[in-house]
Amino acid sequence: QLQLVESGGGLVQPGGSLRLSCVASGITLERYAVGWFRQAPGKEREGISCISSIGDMTYYIDSVKGRFTISRDNARNTAYLQMNSLKPEDTAVYYCAASHWGPQAMCANTVRDYLGQGTQVTVSS
């Protein structure tokens, strides 16, 4: 069964940090670019950070540059999103995705072959 499972979401105060993880099963993650999408209530889903299959290229939207870091460990079939200096506007459901597209196109168009169920991130005092 093909599956992407996210974990690490939760409630955090503004300025805090969270680390999201995405574990793949049923697919060999190293064959795919991996991305993190998010969707806030009433807003469209957006691709916030994506990484190439071997990790040599990354993409970030402007609103998270310098605060979020995407990485992957293909030996563990796992990808990560380290989120620092979190803001209330980062509140959303965060989804892990895998795609045959390159990282910039994947994020810009939120295209994916596989999508996880999502994990809630809430930034509030």
Foldseek 3Di string as FASTA:
>chain_A
DWAKAKDWADEAAQQAKIKMKIAIDPDQQLQWKKWKWWDDPPDDIATAKIAGSVRPDMDGDPVQPPFKDKDADSVRNMIMIIGGRDDQVVWTWMKMFTANDHTVVCRHVVDGPDIHPTDTHGYHD
